Amino acid sequence: MAGQAETHCTTVASRRIALPNCPNCNDFVFAPAASEFISKTRVRHIWSCEACGHEFSTSVRLFVDAREHALS
């Protein structure tokens, strides 16, 4: 497909944006296959490694602004 670009990410940069490594082969996984809200403050990401096919999940805590929460 024309117009596609490949971007390389250094280890330092990938750590800043919290990219996980596959627990099976240690390759970087760049985007979750799916995400779901578990609660108002937690999101679960489902990952699938392109290198080895291993699937795993991570959970992320969302920080809610107390001022915003008080208004709702």
PDB file of N, CA and C in Angstrom:
ATOM      1  N   MET A   1       0.843  -1.173   0.000  1.00  0.00           N
ATOM      2  CA  MET A   1       0.000   0.000   0.000  1.00  0.00           C
ATOM      3  C   MET A   1       0.891   1.239   0.000  1.00  0.00           C
ATOM      4  N   ALA A   2       0.633   2.164  -0.882  1.00  0.00           N
ATOM      5  CA  ALA A   2       1.429   3.391  -0.985  1.00  0.00           C
ATOM      6  C   ALA A   2       1.128   4.325   0.169  1.00  0.00           C
ATOM      7  N   GLY A   3       2.131   5.098   0.539  1.00  0.00           N
ATOM      8  CA  GLY A   3       1.933   6.110   1.567  1.00  0.00           C
ATOM      9  C   GLY A   3       2.180   5.657   2.990  1.00  0.00           C
ATOM     10  N   GLN A   4       2.540   4.409   3.181  1.00  0.00           N
ATOM     11  CA  GLN A   4       2.819   3.938   4.532  1.00  0.00           C
ATOM     12  C   GLN A   4       4.231   4.328   4.930  1.00  0.00           C
ATOM     13  N   ALA A   5       4.392   4.656   6.209  1.00  0.00           N
ATOM     14  CA  ALA A   5       5.707   5.008   6.726  1.00  0.00           C
ATOM     15  C   ALA A   5       6.034   4.119   7.910  1.00  0.00           C
ATOM     16  N   GLU A   6       7.293   3.886   8.096  1.00  0.00           N
ATOM     17  CA  GLU A   6       7.747   3.089   9.235  1.00  0.00           C
ATOM     18  C   GLU A   6       8.489   4.009  10.188  1.00  0.00           C
ATOM     19  N   THR A   7       8.146   3.933  11.465  1.00  0.00           N
ATOM     20  CA  THR A   7       8.787   4.772  12.466  1.00  0.00           C
ATOM     21  C   THR A   7       9.505   3.886  13.462  1.00  0.00           C
ATOM     22  N   HIS A   8      10.754   4.204  13.720  1.00  0.00           N
ATOM     23  CA  HIS A   8      11.525   3.479  14.716  1.00  0.00           C
ATOM     24  C   HIS A   8      11.505   4.254  16.012  1.00  0.00           C
ATOM     25  N   CYS A   9      11.362   3.549  17.104  1.00  0.00           N
ATOM     26  CA  CYS A   9      11.255   4.183  18.416  1.00  0.00           C
ATOM     27  C   CYS A   9      12.389   3.672  19.293  1.00  0.00           C
ATOM     28  N   THR A  10      13.114   4.583  19.909  1.00  0.00           N
ATOM     29  CA  THR A  10      14.196   4.161  20.790  1.00  0.00           C
ATOM     30  C   THR A  10      13.628   3.613  22.088  1.00  0.00           C
ATOM     31  N   THR A  11      14.437   2.876  22.815  1.00  0.00           N
ATOM     32  CA  THR A  11      14.010   2.318  24.088  1.00  0.00           C
ATOM     33  C   THR A  11      13.595   3.416  25.055  1.00  0.00           C
ATOM     34  N   VAL A  12      14.334   4.506  25.115  1.00  0.00           N
ATOM     35  CA  VAL A  12      14.010   5.602  26.029  1.00  0.00           C
ATOM     36  C   VAL A  12      12.654   6.199  25.669  1.00  0.00           C
ATOM     37  N   ALA A  13      12.419   6.467  24.397  1.00  0.00           N
ATOM     38  CA  ALA A  13      11.150   7.058  23.972  1.00  0.00           C
ATOM     39  C   ALA A  13       9.992   6.113  24.243  1.00  0.00           C
ATOM     40  N   SER A  14      10.172   4.837  24.012  1.00  0.00           N
ATOM     41  CA  SER A  14       9.085   3.896  24.231  1.00  0.00           C
ATOM     42  C   SER A  14       8.727   3.796  25.704  1.00  0.00           C
ATOM     43  N   ARG A  15       9.679   3.964  26.584  1.00  0.00           N
ATOM     44  CA  ARG A  15       9.397   3.937  28.017  1.00  0.00           C
ATOM     45  C   ARG A  15       8.572   5.147  28.438  1.00  0.00           C
ATOM     46  N   ARG A  16       8.796   6.293  27.799  1.00  0.00           N
ATOM     47  CA  ARG A  16       8.037   7.500  28.135  1.00  0.00           C
ATOM     48  C   ARG A  16       6.561   7.335  27.820  1.00  0.00           C
ATOM     49  N   ILE A  17       6.236   6.594  26.786  1.00  0.00           N
ATOM     50  CA  ILE A  17       4.839   6.416  26.417  1.00  0.00           C
ATOM     51  C   ILE A  17       4.313   5.040  26.837  1.00  0.00           C
ATOM     52  N   ALA A  18       5.037   4.371  27.696  1.00  0.00           N
ATOM     53  CA  ALA A  18       4.606   3.138  28.352  1.00  0.00           C
ATOM     54  C   ALA A  18       4.216   2.021  27.392  1.00  0.00           C
ATOM     55  N   LEU A  19       5.048   1.760  26.409  1.00  0.00           N
ATOM     56  CA  LEU A  19       4.811   0.620  25.528  1.00  0.00           C
ATOM     57  C   LEU A  19       5.288  -0.651  26.222  1.00  0.00           C
ATOM     58  N   PRO A  20       4.449  -1.670  26.258  1.00  0.00           N
ATOM     59  CA  PRO A  20       4.877  -2.899  26.926  1.00  0.00           C
ATOM     60  C   PRO A  20       5.739  -3.771  26.023  1.00  0.00           C
ATOM     61  N   ASN A  21       6.509  -4.626  26.657  1.00  0.00           N
ATOM     62  CA  ASN A  21       7.221  -5.684  25.948  1.00  0.00           C
ATOM     63  C   ASN A  21       6.397  -6.948  26.081  1.00  0.00           C
ATOM     64  N   CYS A  22       6.447  -7.778  25.082  1.00  0.00           N
ATOM     65  CA  CYS A  22       5.779  -9.070  25.149  1.00  0.00           C
ATOM     66  C   CYS A  22       6.429  -9.899  26.259  1.00  0.00           C
ATOM     67  N   PRO A  23       5.653 -10.430  27.190  1.00  0.00           N
ATOM     68  CA  PRO A  23       6.242 -11.241  28.252  1.00  0.00           C
ATOM     69  C   PRO A  23       6.793 -12.576  27.742  1.00  0.00           C
ATOM     70  N   ASN A  24       6.435 -12.961  26.522  1.00  0.00           N
ATOM     71  CA  ASN A  24       6.889 -14.227  25.963  1.00  0.00           C
ATOM     72  C   ASN A  24       8.216 -14.086  25.206  1.00  0.00           C
ATOM     73  N   CYS A  25       8.318 -13.067  24.319  1.00  0.00           N
ATOM     74  CA  CYS A  25       9.519 -12.939  23.481  1.00  0.00           C
ATOM     75  C   CYS A  25      10.266 -11.617  23.690  1.00  0.00           C
ATOM     76  N   ASN A  26       9.738 -10.737  24.510  1.00  0.00           N
ATOM     77  CA  ASN A  26      10.345  -9.453  24.863  1.00  0.00           C
ATOM     78  C   ASN A  26      10.335  -8.428  23.724  1.00  0.00           C
ATOM     79  N   ASP A  27       9.600  -8.665  22.654  1.00  0.00           N
ATOM     80  CA  ASP A  27       9.478  -7.706  21.562  1.00  0.00           C
ATOM     81  C   ASP A  27       8.521  -6.587  21.987  1.00  0.00           C
ATOM     82  N   PHE A  28       8.683  -5.378  21.423  1.00  0.00           N
ATOM     83  CA  PHE A  28       7.780  -4.274  21.731  1.00  0.00           C
ATOM     84  C   PHE A  28       6.422  -4.515  21.079  1.00  0.00           C
ATOM     85  N   VAL A  29       5.386  -4.131  21.767  1.00  0.00           N
ATOM     86  CA  VAL A  29       4.030  -4.164  21.229  1.00  0.00           C
ATOM     87  C   VAL A  29       3.574  -2.707  21.192  1.00  0.00           C
ATOM     88  N   PHE A  30       3.195  -2.204  20.017  1.00  0.00           N
ATOM     89  CA  PHE A  30       3.006  -0.774  19.838  1.00  0.00           C
ATOM     90  C   PHE A  30       1.581  -0.270  20.010  1.00  0.00           C
ATOM     91  N   ALA A  31       0.580  -1.106  19.876  1.00  0.00           N
ATOM     92  CA  ALA A  31      -0.799  -0.647  20.034  1.00  0.00           C
ATOM     93  C   ALA A  31      -1.652  -1.800  20.545  1.00  0.00           C
ATOM     94  N   PRO A  32      -2.561  -1.517  21.470  1.00  0.00           N
ATOM     95  CA  PRO A  32      -3.423  -2.586  21.959  1.00  0.00           C
ATOM     96  C   PRO A  32      -4.398  -3.052  20.877  1.00  0.00           C
ATOM     97  N   ALA A  33      -4.723  -4.330  20.899  1.00  0.00           N
ATOM     98  CA  ALA A  33      -5.713  -4.877  19.974  1.00  0.00           C
ATOM     99  C   ALA A  33      -7.111  -4.433  20.387  1.00  0.00           C
ATOM    100  N   ALA A  34      -7.298  -4.201  21.688  1.00  0.00           N
ATOM    101  CA  ALA A  34      -8.590  -3.746  22.215  1.00  0.00           C
ATOM    102  C   ALA A  34      -8.360  -3.062  23.551  1.00  0.00           C
ATOM    103  N   SER A  35      -9.293  -2.196  23.917  1.00  0.00           N
ATOM    104  CA  SER A  35      -9.257  -1.523  25.214  1.00  0.00           C
ATOM    105  C   SER A  35     -10.673  -1.486  25.765  1.00  0.00           C
ATOM    106  N   GLU A  36     -10.791  -1.552  27.090  1.00  0.00           N
ATOM    107  CA  GLU A  36     -12.116  -1.495  27.699  1.00  0.00           C
ATOM    108  C   GLU A  36     -12.052  -0.790  29.046  1.00  0.00           C
ATOM    109  N   PHE A  37     -13.082  -0.004  29.336  1.00  0.00           N
ATOM    110  CA  PHE A  37     -13.182   0.619  30.646  1.00  0.00           C
ATOM    111  C   PHE A  37     -13.645  -0.424  31.641  1.00  0.00           C
ATOM    112  N   ILE A  38     -12.889  -0.584  32.719  1.00  0.00           N
ATOM    113  CA  ILE A  38     -13.262  -1.505  33.789  1.00  0.00           C
ATOM    114  C   ILE A  38     -14.056  -0.750  34.843  1.00  0.00           C
ATOM    115  N   SER A  39     -13.653   0.488  35.092  1.00  0.00           N
ATOM    116  CA  SER A  39     -14.346   1.362  36.041  1.00  0.00           C
ATOM    117  C   SER A  39     -14.087   2.805  35.609  1.00  0.00           C
ATOM    118  N   LYS A  40     -14.529   3.762  36.415  1.00  0.00           N
ATOM    119  CA  LYS A  40     -14.296   5.170  36.083  1.00  0.00           C
ATOM    120  C   LYS A  40     -12.818   5.528  36.106  1.00  0.00           C
ATOM    121  N   THR A  41     -12.027   4.751  36.819  1.00  0.00           N
ATOM    122  CA  THR A  41     -10.611   5.083  36.964  1.00  0.00           C
ATOM    123  C   THR A  41      -9.652   4.020  36.433  1.00  0.00           C
ATOM    124  N   ARG A  42     -10.148   3.031  35.695  1.00  0.00           N
ATOM    125  CA  ARG A  42      -9.262   1.969  35.222  1.00  0.00           C
ATOM    126  C   ARG A  42      -9.666   1.512  33.819  1.00  0.00           C
ATOM    127  N   VAL A  43      -8.620   1.325  32.966  1.00  0.00           N
ATOM    128  CA  VAL A  43      -8.801   0.831  31.602  1.00  0.00           C
ATOM    129  C   VAL A  43      -7.931  -0.405  31.421  1.00  0.00           C
ATOM    130  N   ARG A  44      -8.472  -1.432  30.801  1.00  0.00           N
ATOM    131  CA  ARG A  44      -7.707  -2.647  30.486  1.00  0.00           C
ATOM    132  C   ARG A  44      -7.395  -2.635  28.995  1.00  0.00           C
ATOM    133  N   HIS A  45      -6.119  -2.895  28.662  1.00  0.00           N
ATOM    134  CA  HIS A  45      -5.685  -3.010  27.267  1.00  0.00           C
ATOM    135  C   HIS A  45      -5.356  -4.482  27.000  1.00  0.00           C
ATOM    136  N   ILE A  46      -5.844  -4.993  25.889  1.00  0.00           N
ATOM    137  CA  ILE A  46      -5.537  -6.348  25.431  1.00  0.00           C
ATOM    138  C   ILE A  46      -4.512  -6.212  24.303  1.00  0.00           C
ATOM    139  N   TRP A  47      -3.376  -6.905  24.448  1.00  0.00           N
ATOM    140  CA  TRP A  47      -2.272  -6.800  23.498  1.00  0.00           C
ATOM    141  C   TRP A  47      -2.064  -8.129  22.790  1.00  0.00           C
ATOM    142  N   SER A  48      -1.616  -8.069  21.547  1.00  0.00           N
ATOM    143  CA  SER A  48      -1.266  -9.266  20.777  1.00  0.00           C
ATOM    144  C   SER A  48       0.075  -9.012  20.098  1.00  0.00           C
ATOM    145  N   CYS A  49       1.059  -9.823  20.426  1.00  0.00           N
ATOM    146  CA  CYS A  49       2.404  -9.656  19.884  1.00  0.00           C
ATOM    147  C   CYS A  49       2.442 -10.140  18.436  1.00  0.00           C
ATOM    148  N   GLU A  50       2.889  -9.270  17.552  1.00  0.00           N
ATOM    149  CA  GLU A  50       3.009  -9.655  16.136  1.00  0.00           C
ATOM    150  C   GLU A  50       4.151 -10.620  15.903  1.00  0.00           C
ATOM    151  N   ALA A  51       5.170 -10.581  16.754  1.00  0.00           N
ATOM    152  CA  ALA A  51       6.344 -11.434  16.571  1.00  0.00           C
ATOM    153  C   ALA A  51       6.061 -12.902  16.908  1.00  0.00           C
ATOM    154  N   CYS A  52       5.356 -13.137  18.030  1.00  0.00           N
ATOM    155  CA  CYS A  52       5.168 -14.535  18.452  1.00  0.00           C
ATOM    156  C   CYS A  52       3.700 -14.934  18.638  1.00  0.00           C
ATOM    157  N   GLY A  53       2.778 -13.965  18.542  1.00  0.00           N
ATOM    158  CA  GLY A  53       1.353 -14.286  18.658  1.00  0.00           C
ATOM    159  C   GLY A  53       0.825 -14.351  20.083  1.00  0.00           C
ATOM    160  N   HIS A  54       1.675 -14.129  21.074  1.00  0.00           N
ATOM    161  CA  HIS A  54       1.251 -14.188  22.479  1.00  0.00           C
ATOM    162  C   HIS A  54       0.280 -13.045  22.784  1.00  0.00           C
ATOM    163  N   GLU A  55      -0.806 -13.332  23.516  1.00  0.00           N
ATOM    164  CA  GLU A  55      -1.759 -12.321  23.928  1.00  0.00           C
ATOM    165  C   GLU A  55      -1.675 -12.116  25.435  1.00  0.00           C
ATOM    166  N   PHE A  56      -1.768 -10.850  25.860  1.00  0.00           N
ATOM    167  CA  PHE A  56      -1.720 -10.524  27.287  1.00  0.00           C
ATOM    168  C   PHE A  56      -2.482  -9.225  27.512  1.00  0.00           C
ATOM    169  N   SER A  57      -2.719  -8.883  28.774  1.00  0.00           N
ATOM    170  CA  SER A  57      -3.438  -7.649  29.079  1.00  0.00           C
ATOM    171  C   SER A  57      -2.679  -6.830  30.109  1.00  0.00           C
ATOM    172  N   THR A  58      -2.925  -5.522  30.079  1.00  0.00           N
ATOM    173  CA  THR A  58      -2.396  -4.610  31.082  1.00  0.00           C
ATOM    174  C   THR A  58      -3.564  -3.763  31.578  1.00  0.00           C
ATOM    175  N   SER A  59      -3.391  -3.192  32.750  1.00  0.00           N
ATOM    176  CA  SER A  59      -4.415  -2.339  33.336  1.00  0.00           C
ATOM    177  C   SER A  59      -3.790  -0.993  33.661  1.00  0.00           C
ATOM    178  N   VAL A  60      -4.501   0.092  33.326  1.00  0.00           N
ATOM    179  CA  VAL A  60      -3.995   1.436  33.525  1.00  0.00           C
ATOM    180  C   VAL A  60      -4.954   2.199  34.433  1.00  0.00           C
ATOM    181  N   ARG A  61      -4.387   2.879  35.428  1.00  0.00           N
ATOM    182  CA  ARG A  61      -5.201   3.697  36.327  1.00  0.00           C
ATOM    183  C   ARG A  61      -5.312   5.096  35.739  1.00  0.00           C
ATOM    184  N   LEU A  62      -6.530   5.600  35.649  1.00  0.00           N
ATOM    185  CA  LEU A  62      -6.770   6.950  35.169  1.00  0.00           C
ATOM    186  C   LEU A  62      -6.838   7.887  36.365  1.00  0.00           C
ATOM    187  N   PHE A  63      -6.223   9.043  36.235  1.00  0.00           N
ATOM    188  CA  PHE A  63      -6.267  10.039  37.300  1.00  0.00           C
ATOM    189  C   PHE A  63      -7.382  11.025  36.988  1.00  0.00           C
ATOM    190  N   VAL A  64      -8.314  11.157  37.919  1.00  0.00           N
ATOM    191  CA  VAL A  64      -9.446  12.051  37.745  1.00  0.00           C
ATOM    192  C   VAL A  64      -9.139  13.360  38.453  1.00  0.00           C
ATOM    193  N   ASP A  65      -9.355  14.467  37.746  1.00  0.00           N
ATOM    194  CA  ASP A  65      -9.176  15.791  38.331  1.00  0.00           C
ATOM    195  C   ASP A  65     -10.275  16.002  39.375  1.00  0.00           C
ATOM    196  N   ALA A  66      -9.904  16.261  40.610  1.00  0.00           N
ATOM    197  CA  ALA A  66     -10.864  16.395  41.713  1.00  0.00           C
ATOM    198  C   ALA A  66     -11.850  17.520  41.447  1.00  0.00           C
ATOM    199  N   ARG A  67     -11.437  18.601  40.826  1.00  0.00           N
ATOM    200  CA  ARG A  67     -12.349  19.712  40.511  1.00  0.00           C
ATOM    201  C   ARG A  67     -13.390  19.276  39.492  1.00  0.00           C
ATOM    202  N   GLU A  68     -12.958  18.533  38.482  1.00  0.00           N
ATOM    203  CA  GLU A  68     -13.873  18.056  37.468  1.00  0.00           C
ATOM    204  C   GLU A  68     -14.861  17.062  38.056  1.00  0.00           C
ATOM    205  N   HIS A  69     -14.376  16.198  38.928  1.00  0.00           N
ATOM    206  CA  HIS A  69     -15.223  15.192  39.563  1.00  0.00           C
ATOM    207  C   HIS A  69     -16.277  15.855  40.455  1.00  0.00           C
ATOM    208  N   ALA A  70     -15.925  16.935  41.146  1.00  0.00           N
ATOM    209  CA  ALA A  70     -16.846  17.625  42.054  1.00  0.00           C
ATOM    210  C   ALA A  70     -17.981  18.301  41.298  1.00  0.00           C
ATOM    211  N   LEU A  71     -17.751  18.679  40.041  1.00  0.00           N
ATOM    212  CA  LEU A  71     -18.783  19.354  39.238  1.00  0.00           C
ATOM    213  C   LEU A  71     -19.833  18.409  38.690  1.00  0.00           C
ATOM    214  N   SER A  72     -19.530  17.150  38.610  1.00  0.00           N
ATOM    215  CA  SER A  72     -20.479  16.211  38.007  1.00  0.00           C
ATOM    216  C   SER A  72     -21.428  15.593  38.998  1.00  0.00           C
TER     217      SER A  72
END
